[in-house]
N, C-alpha and C. Protein backbone atom coordinates (compact mmCIF):
# COMPACT_ATOMS: atom_id res chain seq x y z
N MET A 1 219.97 115.54 -43.41
CA MET A 1 219.64 114.42 -44.60
C MET A 1 219.74 112.94 -43.83
N HIS A 2 218.53 112.25 -44.14
CA HIS A 2 218.39 111.13 -43.68
C HIS A 2 218.68 109.68 -44.64
N SER A 3 219.36 108.71 -44.21
CA SER A 3 219.96 107.65 -45.01
C SER A 3 219.29 106.29 -44.77
N THR A 4 218.97 105.21 -46.08
CA THR A 4 218.48 104.34 -45.27
C THR A 4 219.53 103.21 -45.82
N LEU A 5 219.42 102.45 -45.58
CA LEU A 5 220.36 100.99 -45.83
C LEU A 5 219.85 99.76 -46.28
N ILE A 6 219.42 99.10 -47.22
CA ILE A 6 218.90 98.07 -47.55
C ILE A 6 219.78 96.83 -48.00
N VAL A 7 219.80 95.72 -47.52
CA VAL A 7 220.39 94.90 -47.39
C VAL A 7 219.86 93.69 -48.29
N ALA A 8 220.14 92.62 -49.29
CA ALA A 8 219.74 91.84 -49.61
C ALA A 8 220.39 91.00 -50.05
N ARG A 9 220.08 90.01 -50.93
CA ARG A 9 221.69 88.73 -51.55
C ARG A 9 221.16 89.17 -53.28
N MET A 10 222.36 89.36 -53.95
CA MET A 10 221.97 89.57 -55.46
C MET A 10 223.54 88.60 -56.35
N ALA A 11 223.20 88.21 -57.25
CA ALA A 11 224.30 87.28 -57.96
C ALA A 11 225.00 88.53 -58.43
N PRO A 12 226.23 88.35 -58.67
CA PRO A 12 226.88 89.46 -59.21
C PRO A 12 226.87 89.82 -60.71
N GLU A 13 226.63 88.96 -61.18
CA GLU A 13 226.29 89.11 -62.73
C GLU A 13 225.03 89.84 -63.05
N SER A 14 224.06 90.37 -62.07
CA SER A 14 222.79 90.97 -62.07
C SER A 14 223.18 92.40 -62.20
N GLU A 15 224.27 92.75 -61.93
CA GLU A 15 224.89 94.10 -61.36
C GLU A 15 224.05 95.41 -62.53
N ALA A 16 224.44 94.79 -63.82
CA ALA A 16 224.08 96.13 -65.18
C ALA A 16 222.72 95.58 -65.17
N GLU A 17 222.08 94.78 -65.17
CA GLU A 17 220.74 94.78 -64.94
C GLU A 17 219.99 95.60 -63.88
N VAL A 18 220.26 95.26 -62.48
CA VAL A 18 219.72 96.07 -61.87
C VAL A 18 219.98 97.76 -61.29
N ALA A 19 221.06 98.18 -61.99
CA ALA A 19 221.53 99.22 -62.34
C ALA A 19 220.55 100.00 -63.24
N GLY A 20 220.63 99.23 -64.39
CA GLY A 20 219.29 99.65 -65.58
C GLY A 20 218.08 99.95 -65.22
N LEU A 21 217.58 99.04 -64.09
CA LEU A 21 216.13 99.51 -63.53
C LEU A 21 216.01 100.33 -62.76
N PHE A 22 217.00 100.41 -61.79
CA PHE A 22 216.96 101.44 -61.23
C PHE A 22 217.05 102.72 -62.11
N GLY A 23 218.18 102.91 -62.79
CA GLY A 23 218.29 104.19 -63.64
C GLY A 23 217.10 104.53 -64.21
N ALA A 24 216.55 103.77 -64.81
CA ALA A 24 214.82 104.03 -65.72
C ALA A 24 213.63 104.43 -64.44
N PHE A 25 213.87 103.69 -63.18
CA PHE A 25 213.14 103.87 -61.98
C PHE A 25 213.32 105.48 -61.95
N ASP A 26 214.72 106.07 -61.49
CA ASP A 26 215.30 107.02 -61.00
C ASP A 26 215.08 108.27 -62.03
N LYS A 27 214.39 107.98 -63.18
CA LYS A 27 213.94 109.30 -64.29
C LYS A 27 212.81 109.65 -64.33
N THR A 28 211.68 108.51 -63.59
CA THR A 28 210.02 109.02 -63.12
C THR A 28 209.88 109.59 -61.97
N GLU A 29 208.68 110.33 -61.82
CA GLU A 29 208.50 110.90 -60.72
C GLU A 29 208.79 110.45 -59.44
N MET A 30 209.32 109.43 -58.95
CA MET A 30 209.29 108.59 -57.73
C MET A 30 210.40 109.10 -56.98
N PRO A 31 211.39 109.20 -57.16
CA PRO A 31 212.52 110.25 -56.37
C PRO A 31 211.95 111.14 -55.52
N GLY A 32 210.84 112.02 -56.67
CA GLY A 32 210.61 113.19 -56.02
C GLY A 32 209.58 112.98 -54.96
N LEU A 33 208.47 112.03 -55.11
CA LEU A 33 207.18 112.03 -54.47
C LEU A 33 207.84 111.40 -53.21
N MET A 34 209.06 110.65 -53.28
CA MET A 34 209.62 109.65 -52.16
C MET A 34 210.82 110.81 -51.33
N GLY A 35 211.23 111.93 -51.81
CA GLY A 35 212.10 112.86 -51.49
C GLY A 35 213.67 112.34 -51.26
N THR A 36 213.76 111.29 -52.32
CA THR A 36 214.93 110.96 -52.57
C THR A 36 216.25 112.02 -53.41
N ARG A 37 216.97 112.22 -52.78
CA ARG A 37 217.85 113.16 -53.11
C ARG A 37 219.16 112.15 -53.57
N ARG A 38 219.14 110.88 -53.22
CA ARG A 38 220.29 110.01 -53.97
C ARG A 38 220.46 108.72 -53.61
N ARG A 39 220.80 107.80 -54.53
CA ARG A 39 220.77 106.49 -54.30
C ARG A 39 222.48 105.88 -54.89
N GLN A 40 222.81 104.92 -54.05
CA GLN A 40 223.38 104.31 -54.16
C GLN A 40 223.71 102.61 -54.23
N LEU A 41 224.02 101.85 -55.12
CA LEU A 41 224.14 100.35 -55.04
C LEU A 41 225.35 99.94 -55.05
N PHE A 42 225.55 98.98 -54.26
CA PHE A 42 226.81 97.92 -53.71
C PHE A 42 226.43 96.79 -53.90
N HIS A 43 227.30 95.75 -54.26
CA HIS A 43 227.68 94.78 -53.84
C HIS A 43 228.90 93.78 -53.28
N TYR A 44 229.03 93.01 -52.72
CA TYR A 44 230.02 92.42 -51.93
C TYR A 44 230.07 90.96 -51.76
N ARG A 45 230.16 89.91 -52.48
CA ARG A 45 230.42 88.55 -52.36
C ARG A 45 228.83 88.02 -52.27
N GLY A 46 227.93 88.61 -52.99
CA GLY A 46 226.74 88.22 -53.44
C GLY A 46 225.96 88.60 -52.24
N LEU A 47 226.16 89.82 -51.50
CA LEU A 47 225.29 90.62 -50.65
C LEU A 47 224.78 92.01 -51.73
N TYR A 48 223.68 92.59 -51.46
CA TYR A 48 223.18 93.96 -52.21
C TYR A 48 223.04 95.09 -51.08
N PHE A 49 223.60 96.17 -51.38
CA PHE A 49 223.40 97.14 -50.41
C PHE A 49 222.72 98.28 -51.45
N HIS A 50 221.91 98.92 -50.69
CA HIS A 50 220.75 99.84 -51.32
C HIS A 50 221.09 100.85 -50.46
N VAL A 51 221.39 102.24 -50.66
CA VAL A 51 221.78 103.30 -49.59
C VAL A 51 220.87 104.04 -50.36
N GLN A 52 220.10 104.98 -50.10
CA GLN A 52 219.14 105.93 -50.32
C GLN A 52 218.90 106.97 -49.29
N ASP A 53 219.69 108.30 -49.99
CA ASP A 53 219.46 109.08 -48.96
C ASP A 53 218.35 110.23 -49.42
N PHE A 54 217.67 110.81 -48.27
CA PHE A 54 216.56 111.55 -48.23
C PHE A 54 216.76 113.03 -47.94
N ALA A 55 215.99 113.85 -48.17
CA ALA A 55 216.07 115.33 -47.62
C ALA A 55 215.45 115.38 -45.90
N ASP A 56 215.05 114.60 -45.56
CA ASP A 56 214.55 114.88 -44.52
C ASP A 56 214.57 113.48 -43.55
N ASP A 57 214.07 113.43 -42.32
CA ASP A 57 214.41 111.97 -41.32
C ASP A 57 213.28 111.36 -41.34
N HIS A 58 212.35 111.42 -42.88
CA HIS A 58 211.45 110.26 -42.93
C HIS A 58 211.48 109.51 -43.98
N GLY A 59 212.94 109.04 -44.40
CA GLY A 59 213.25 108.10 -45.49
C GLY A 59 212.41 106.79 -45.52
N GLY A 60 212.60 106.04 -43.85
CA GLY A 60 212.14 105.00 -44.06
C GLY A 60 210.61 104.99 -44.48
N GLU A 61 209.57 105.95 -43.45
CA GLU A 61 208.41 106.35 -44.03
C GLU A 61 208.15 106.38 -45.23
N ALA A 62 208.77 107.35 -46.37
CA ALA A 62 208.41 107.35 -47.23
C ALA A 62 208.52 106.02 -48.52
N ILE A 63 209.33 104.91 -48.03
CA ILE A 63 209.73 104.10 -48.77
C ILE A 63 208.26 103.14 -48.66
N GLU A 64 208.20 103.22 -47.29
CA GLU A 64 206.74 102.42 -46.99
C GLU A 64 205.37 102.75 -47.79
N GLN A 65 205.17 104.19 -47.33
CA GLN A 65 204.18 104.94 -48.44
C GLN A 65 203.95 104.62 -49.70
N ALA A 66 205.23 105.04 -50.14
CA ALA A 66 205.72 104.89 -51.80
C ALA A 66 205.29 103.42 -52.07
N LYS A 67 205.36 102.40 -51.43
CA LYS A 67 205.38 100.90 -51.70
C LYS A 67 204.08 100.32 -52.67
N THR A 68 203.14 101.04 -52.28
CA THR A 68 202.03 100.55 -53.38
C THR A 68 202.01 101.32 -54.80
N HIS A 69 202.67 102.23 -54.92
CA HIS A 69 202.64 103.12 -56.32
C HIS A 69 202.48 102.73 -57.42
N PRO A 70 202.30 102.43 -58.47
CA PRO A 70 202.57 101.62 -59.44
C PRO A 70 203.90 101.70 -59.72
N LEU A 71 204.65 102.61 -60.15
CA LEU A 71 205.54 102.76 -60.33
C LEU A 71 206.83 101.64 -59.30
N PHE A 72 206.17 101.65 -58.35
CA PHE A 72 207.33 101.21 -57.09
C PHE A 72 206.93 99.84 -57.30
N VAL A 73 205.71 99.44 -57.33
CA VAL A 73 205.26 98.20 -57.53
C VAL A 73 206.26 97.30 -58.71
N GLN A 74 206.26 97.99 -59.77
CA GLN A 74 206.52 97.59 -60.80
C GLN A 74 208.24 97.34 -60.78
N VAL A 75 208.79 98.23 -60.44
CA VAL A 75 210.44 97.94 -60.12
C VAL A 75 210.50 97.01 -59.30
N SER A 76 209.76 96.83 -58.03
CA SER A 76 209.92 95.85 -57.45
C SER A 76 209.57 94.41 -57.89
N ASP A 77 208.73 94.04 -58.99
CA ASP A 77 208.55 92.95 -59.32
C ASP A 77 209.65 92.62 -60.61
N ASP A 78 210.00 93.78 -61.32
CA ASP A 78 211.39 93.73 -62.15
C ASP A 78 212.37 93.33 -61.40
N LEU A 79 213.12 93.41 -60.11
CA LEU A 79 213.89 93.34 -59.47
C LEU A 79 213.78 92.11 -58.77
N ARG A 80 212.81 91.29 -58.76
CA ARG A 80 212.66 89.94 -58.01
C ARG A 80 213.37 89.07 -58.81
N ALA A 81 213.78 89.16 -60.22
CA ALA A 81 214.22 88.31 -60.65
C ALA A 81 216.07 88.09 -60.47
N HIS A 82 216.64 89.57 -59.99
CA HIS A 82 217.76 89.66 -59.35
C HIS A 82 218.19 89.92 -57.67
N ILE A 83 217.43 90.35 -57.27
CA ILE A 83 217.41 90.73 -55.79
C ILE A 83 216.72 89.50 -54.81
N THR A 84 216.89 88.94 -53.95
CA THR A 84 216.34 88.08 -53.15
C THR A 84 216.47 88.89 -51.79
N ALA A 85 215.78 88.52 -50.90
CA ALA A 85 215.85 88.98 -49.10
C ALA A 85 216.86 88.21 -48.67
N TYR A 86 217.58 88.99 -47.67
CA TYR A 86 218.51 88.44 -46.62
C TYR A 86 217.92 87.32 -46.31
N ASP A 87 216.94 86.96 -45.75
CA ASP A 87 216.07 86.43 -44.85
C ASP A 87 214.99 86.47 -45.44
N PRO A 88 214.55 85.62 -46.46
CA PRO A 88 213.39 85.30 -46.49
C PRO A 88 211.68 85.07 -45.63
N ALA A 89 212.38 84.24 -44.49
CA ALA A 89 212.03 83.90 -43.13
C ALA A 89 211.06 85.03 -42.60
N THR A 90 211.82 86.36 -42.66
CA THR A 90 211.35 87.65 -42.15
C THR A 90 210.64 88.50 -42.79
N TRP A 91 210.91 88.34 -44.18
CA TRP A 91 210.53 89.52 -44.80
C TRP A 91 209.17 89.97 -45.31
N ARG A 92 209.05 90.86 -45.19
CA ARG A 92 207.43 91.08 -45.77
C ARG A 92 207.33 92.43 -46.28
N SER A 93 208.17 93.24 -46.07
CA SER A 93 208.08 94.77 -46.58
C SER A 93 209.53 95.26 -46.54
N PRO A 94 210.03 96.37 -47.65
CA PRO A 94 211.09 97.12 -47.36
C PRO A 94 211.93 97.11 -46.10
N SER A 95 210.80 97.47 -45.34
CA SER A 95 211.16 97.93 -43.95
C SER A 95 211.86 96.75 -43.28
N ASP A 96 211.73 95.53 -43.66
CA ASP A 96 212.31 94.21 -43.13
C ASP A 96 213.70 94.20 -43.42
N ALA A 97 214.32 94.92 -44.74
CA ALA A 97 215.69 94.54 -44.93
C ALA A 97 216.37 95.78 -44.75
N MET A 98 215.66 96.80 -43.78
CA MET A 98 216.88 97.82 -43.52
C MET A 98 217.44 97.67 -42.36
N ALA A 99 219.10 98.30 -42.44
CA ALA A 99 219.49 98.01 -41.65
C ALA A 99 219.65 99.25 -40.63
N THR A 100 219.84 98.73 -39.38
CA THR A 100 219.97 99.69 -37.78
C THR A 100 221.40 100.64 -38.01
N ARG A 101 220.83 101.61 -38.05
CA ARG A 101 222.23 102.77 -37.94
C ARG A 101 222.43 102.84 -36.32
N PHE A 102 223.71 102.31 -35.98
CA PHE A 102 224.21 103.10 -34.47
C PHE A 102 225.27 103.71 -33.98
N TYR A 103 225.66 104.19 -35.14
CA TYR A 103 226.76 105.29 -35.22
C TYR A 103 227.22 105.66 -36.21
N HIS A 104 227.29 107.26 -35.87
CA HIS A 104 226.67 108.39 -37.01
C HIS A 104 227.92 109.57 -36.74
N TRP A 105 228.66 109.97 -37.46
CA TRP A 105 229.77 111.22 -37.43
C TRP A 105 229.31 112.10 -38.77
N SER A 106 229.47 113.35 -38.60
CA SER A 106 229.59 114.33 -39.71
C SER A 106 230.08 115.71 -38.86
N THR A 107 230.56 116.30 -40.34
CA THR A 107 231.46 117.45 -39.77
C THR A 107 230.33 118.51 -39.03
N GLU A 108 229.09 118.12 -39.93
CA GLU A 108 228.32 119.47 -39.27
C GLU A 108 227.97 119.25 -37.57
């Protein structure tokens, strides 16, 4: 399984709205098209953390390929009212907000 972590900024009062947007999005065919197995959203002191687990090691590529799909475009537009780039000067696509894993441990 492959995971991606997107880091951005979010006001804590947006938590319910953002969860609702992803709840609706995850009921569409998009998770299946992207190979998404699990999504987890976290917030901490104005930061937003979006963990997405994929069936294989191509999660980041799947997000990049999906970003032009109308459902992906719509949820991205809807989220703009709540989520802002961590570094707006360098953000151009979801891959610009993905954290880099530097350590991994598993029982497998």
